[in-house]
Amino acid sequence: CASTVHSLTHVKSLSDVSQDANGREKVDKVTETRWTSLILNGLIGFSIIALKPVLAQIPMCVLNGLFFYLGLSAMRGNE
């Protein structure tokens, strides 16, 4: 769940786009790589395990609000 926004942004960064006759962006191709998503999810899992004592001190509503804000701010421009 936490890596969904990062994965969408990563796929967008790996795509080759061009503009059509109307001036809209058109995706020509996407370079596929699976290592980055594997490493990203592994690092997220490791950080949750390593920072468990610190994360236990933060109220859950604060974390939910933070992730909600980060998700909304990263989703702008992803259509």
N, C-alpha and C. Protein backbone atom coordinates (compact mmCIF):
# COMPACT_ATOMS: atom_id res chain seq x y z
N CYS A 1 0.82 -1.19 0.00
CA CYS A 1 0.00 0.00 0.00
C CYS A 1 0.87 1.26 0.00
N ALA A 2 1.93 1.24 0.80
CA ALA A 2 2.75 2.45 0.90
C ALA A 2 3.57 2.70 -0.35
N SER A 3 3.84 1.68 -1.12
CA SER A 3 4.68 1.87 -2.30
C SER A 3 3.88 2.11 -3.57
N THR A 4 2.57 2.16 -3.49
CA THR A 4 1.75 2.32 -4.70
C THR A 4 2.04 3.65 -5.38
N VAL A 5 2.06 4.72 -4.62
CA VAL A 5 2.29 6.05 -5.21
C VAL A 5 3.69 6.14 -5.78
N HIS A 6 4.67 5.58 -5.06
CA HIS A 6 6.03 5.59 -5.56
C HIS A 6 6.15 4.76 -6.84
N SER A 7 5.45 3.66 -6.90
CA SER A 7 5.50 2.82 -8.09
C SER A 7 4.88 3.53 -9.29
N LEU A 8 3.77 4.23 -9.08
CA LEU A 8 3.16 4.98 -10.17
C LEU A 8 4.08 6.08 -10.68
N THR A 9 4.73 6.77 -9.76
CA THR A 9 5.65 7.83 -10.14
C THR A 9 6.86 7.25 -10.85
N HIS A 10 7.33 6.09 -10.41
CA HIS A 10 8.48 5.45 -11.04
C HIS A 10 8.15 5.01 -12.46
N VAL A 11 6.97 4.44 -12.67
CA VAL A 11 6.56 4.02 -14.01
C VAL A 11 6.44 5.23 -14.93
N LYS A 12 5.93 6.33 -14.39
CA LYS A 12 5.82 7.54 -15.20
C LYS A 12 7.20 8.06 -15.58
N SER A 13 8.17 7.94 -14.68
CA SER A 13 9.52 8.42 -15.00
C SER A 13 10.21 7.53 -16.02
N LEU A 14 9.82 6.26 -16.12
CA LEU A 14 10.44 5.35 -17.07
C LEU A 14 9.76 5.36 -18.44
N SER A 15 8.69 6.12 -18.60
CA SER A 15 7.95 6.11 -19.86
C SER A 15 8.49 7.18 -20.80
N ASP A 16 8.51 6.82 -22.08
CA ASP A 16 8.89 7.76 -23.13
C ASP A 16 7.62 8.34 -23.72
N VAL A 17 7.49 9.67 -23.64
CA VAL A 17 6.28 10.32 -24.10
C VAL A 17 6.59 11.25 -25.27
N SER A 18 5.58 11.45 -26.09
CA SER A 18 5.66 12.42 -27.17
C SER A 18 4.32 13.15 -27.21
N GLN A 19 4.27 14.22 -27.96
CA GLN A 19 3.04 14.98 -28.06
C GLN A 19 2.37 14.67 -29.39
N ASP A 20 1.05 14.51 -29.34
CA ASP A 20 0.31 14.26 -30.56
C ASP A 20 -0.06 15.59 -31.23
N ALA A 21 -0.87 15.53 -32.27
CA ALA A 21 -1.22 16.74 -33.04
C ALA A 21 -2.01 17.74 -32.20
N ASN A 22 -2.75 17.25 -31.19
CA ASN A 22 -3.54 18.14 -30.33
C ASN A 22 -2.74 18.73 -29.18
N GLY A 23 -1.49 18.33 -29.04
CA GLY A 23 -0.64 18.85 -27.96
C GLY A 23 -0.72 18.04 -26.69
N ARG A 24 -1.42 16.91 -26.70
CA ARG A 24 -1.51 16.06 -25.52
C ARG A 24 -0.36 15.07 -25.50
N GLU A 25 0.02 14.65 -24.28
CA GLU A 25 1.10 13.68 -24.15
C GLU A 25 0.61 12.29 -24.52
N LYS A 26 1.43 11.55 -25.25
CA LYS A 26 1.12 10.18 -25.65
C LYS A 26 2.30 9.31 -25.24
N VAL A 27 2.02 8.23 -24.53
CA VAL A 27 3.08 7.32 -24.08
C VAL A 27 3.46 6.42 -25.23
N ASP A 28 4.73 6.46 -25.62
CA ASP A 28 5.23 5.62 -26.71
C ASP A 28 5.62 4.23 -26.20
N LYS A 29 6.41 4.21 -25.14
CA LYS A 29 6.83 2.93 -24.55
C LYS A 29 7.23 3.16 -23.10
N VAL A 30 7.24 2.07 -22.35
CA VAL A 30 7.67 2.10 -20.95
C VAL A 30 8.78 1.07 -20.79
N THR A 31 9.92 1.52 -20.27
CA THR A 31 11.02 0.61 -20.00
C THR A 31 10.71 -0.14 -18.72
N GLU A 32 10.65 -1.46 -18.81
CA GLU A 32 10.26 -2.26 -17.65
C GLU A 32 11.49 -2.66 -16.84
N THR A 33 11.41 -2.48 -15.55
CA THR A 33 12.43 -2.96 -14.64
C THR A 33 11.74 -3.42 -13.37
N ARG A 34 12.10 -4.58 -12.90
CA ARG A 34 11.47 -5.12 -11.69
C ARG A 34 12.36 -4.98 -10.47
N TRP A 35 13.62 -4.69 -10.67
CA TRP A 35 14.53 -4.59 -9.53
C TRP A 35 14.19 -3.40 -8.64
N THR A 36 13.84 -2.28 -9.24
CA THR A 36 13.59 -1.10 -8.41
C THR A 36 12.37 -1.28 -7.51
N SER A 37 11.31 -1.91 -8.03
CA SER A 37 10.14 -2.12 -7.16
C SER A 37 10.44 -3.15 -6.07
N LEU A 38 11.23 -4.16 -6.39
CA LEU A 38 11.61 -5.15 -5.38
C LEU A 38 12.45 -4.50 -4.29
N ILE A 39 13.42 -3.70 -4.68
CA ILE A 39 14.27 -3.02 -3.70
C ILE A 39 13.47 -2.01 -2.90
N LEU A 40 12.57 -1.27 -3.56
CA LEU A 40 11.74 -0.28 -2.86
C LEU A 40 10.88 -0.94 -1.80
N ASN A 41 10.18 -2.02 -2.16
CA ASN A 41 9.33 -2.70 -1.18
C ASN A 41 10.15 -3.35 -0.07
N GLY A 42 11.33 -3.86 -0.39
CA GLY A 42 12.20 -4.42 0.63
C GLY A 42 12.68 -3.37 1.62
N LEU A 43 13.05 -2.19 1.11
CA LEU A 43 13.48 -1.11 2.00
C LEU A 43 12.35 -0.57 2.87
N ILE A 44 11.15 -0.51 2.32
CA ILE A 44 10.00 -0.09 3.11
C ILE A 44 9.74 -1.08 4.24
N GLY A 45 9.78 -2.37 3.92
CA GLY A 45 9.59 -3.39 4.95
C GLY A 45 10.67 -3.35 6.01
N PHE A 46 11.93 -3.19 5.57
CA PHE A 46 13.04 -3.11 6.53
C PHE A 46 12.92 -1.89 7.43
N SER A 47 12.53 -0.75 6.85
CA SER A 47 12.42 0.46 7.67
C SER A 47 11.29 0.35 8.69
N ILE A 48 10.20 -0.35 8.33
CA ILE A 48 9.12 -0.53 9.30
C ILE A 48 9.58 -1.40 10.46
N ILE A 49 10.34 -2.44 10.14
CA ILE A 49 10.85 -3.32 11.21
C ILE A 49 11.89 -2.59 12.05
N ALA A 50 12.81 -1.86 11.41
CA ALA A 50 13.89 -1.20 12.15
C ALA A 50 13.38 -0.02 12.97
N LEU A 51 12.35 0.66 12.50
CA LEU A 51 11.85 1.86 13.19
C LEU A 51 10.59 1.59 14.01
N LYS A 52 10.32 0.34 14.31
CA LYS A 52 9.11 0.00 15.06
C LYS A 52 9.01 0.71 16.41
N PRO A 53 10.09 0.80 17.21
CA PRO A 53 9.98 1.54 18.48
C PRO A 53 9.65 3.02 18.29
N VAL A 54 10.21 3.62 17.25
CA VAL A 54 9.95 5.04 17.00
C VAL A 54 8.54 5.24 16.49
N LEU A 55 8.10 4.37 15.57
CA LEU A 55 6.76 4.48 15.01
C LEU A 55 5.67 4.21 16.05
N ALA A 56 5.99 3.43 17.07
CA ALA A 56 5.01 3.14 18.12
C ALA A 56 4.68 4.38 18.95
N GLN A 57 5.58 5.37 18.97
CA GLN A 57 5.36 6.59 19.74
C GLN A 57 4.48 7.61 19.00
N ILE A 58 4.31 7.44 17.70
CA ILE A 58 3.53 8.38 16.90
C ILE A 58 2.08 7.91 16.84
N PRO A 59 1.11 8.77 17.14
CA PRO A 59 -0.29 8.36 17.07
C PRO A 59 -0.68 7.93 15.65
N MET A 60 -1.55 6.95 15.55
CA MET A 60 -1.95 6.39 14.26
C MET A 60 -2.65 7.43 13.39
N CYS A 61 -3.43 8.33 13.98
CA CYS A 61 -4.12 9.34 13.17
C CYS A 61 -3.13 10.30 12.52
N VAL A 62 -2.01 10.56 13.17
CA VAL A 62 -0.98 11.42 12.58
C VAL A 62 -0.35 10.73 11.38
N LEU A 63 -0.02 9.44 11.52
CA LEU A 63 0.55 8.68 10.41
C LEU A 63 -0.42 8.57 9.24
N ASN A 64 -1.69 8.32 9.54
CA ASN A 64 -2.69 8.23 8.48
C ASN A 64 -2.82 9.55 7.73
N GLY A 65 -2.84 10.66 8.45
CA GLY A 65 -2.91 11.97 7.82
C GLY A 65 -1.68 12.27 6.98
N LEU A 66 -0.51 11.87 7.46
CA LEU A 66 0.73 12.08 6.71
C LEU A 66 0.72 11.30 5.41
N PHE A 67 0.35 10.01 5.48
CA PHE A 67 0.32 9.20 4.26
C PHE A 67 -0.77 9.67 3.30
N PHE A 68 -1.89 10.13 3.82
CA PHE A 68 -2.95 10.67 2.97
C PHE A 68 -2.46 11.91 2.23
N TYR A 69 -1.79 12.80 2.95
CA TYR A 69 -1.26 14.01 2.32
C TYR A 69 -0.20 13.67 1.28
N LEU A 70 0.73 12.77 1.61
CA LEU A 70 1.77 12.39 0.66
C LEU A 70 1.18 11.74 -0.58
N GLY A 71 0.16 10.91 -0.39
CA GLY A 71 -0.49 10.27 -1.53
C GLY A 71 -1.18 11.26 -2.44
N LEU A 72 -1.89 12.21 -1.85
CA LEU A 72 -2.58 13.22 -2.67
C LEU A 72 -1.59 14.13 -3.39
N SER A 73 -0.53 14.53 -2.71
CA SER A 73 0.43 15.44 -3.35
C SER A 73 1.21 14.73 -4.46
N ALA A 74 1.46 13.44 -4.32
CA ALA A 74 2.19 12.72 -5.36
C ALA A 74 1.31 12.33 -6.53
N MET A 75 0.00 12.24 -6.32
CA MET A 75 -0.91 11.82 -7.37
C MET A 75 -1.24 12.95 -8.35
N ARG A 76 -0.99 14.18 -7.98
CA ARG A 76 -1.26 15.29 -8.89
C ARG A 76 -0.37 15.15 -10.12
N GLY A 77 -0.96 15.19 -11.28
CA GLY A 77 -0.22 15.05 -12.52
C GLY A 77 -0.17 13.63 -13.04
N ASN A 78 -0.62 12.65 -12.25
CA ASN A 78 -0.68 11.26 -12.72
C ASN A 78 -2.08 10.99 -13.22
N GLU A 79 -2.24 10.94 -14.52
CA GLU A 79 -3.54 10.65 -15.09
C GLU A 79 -3.54 9.31 -15.75
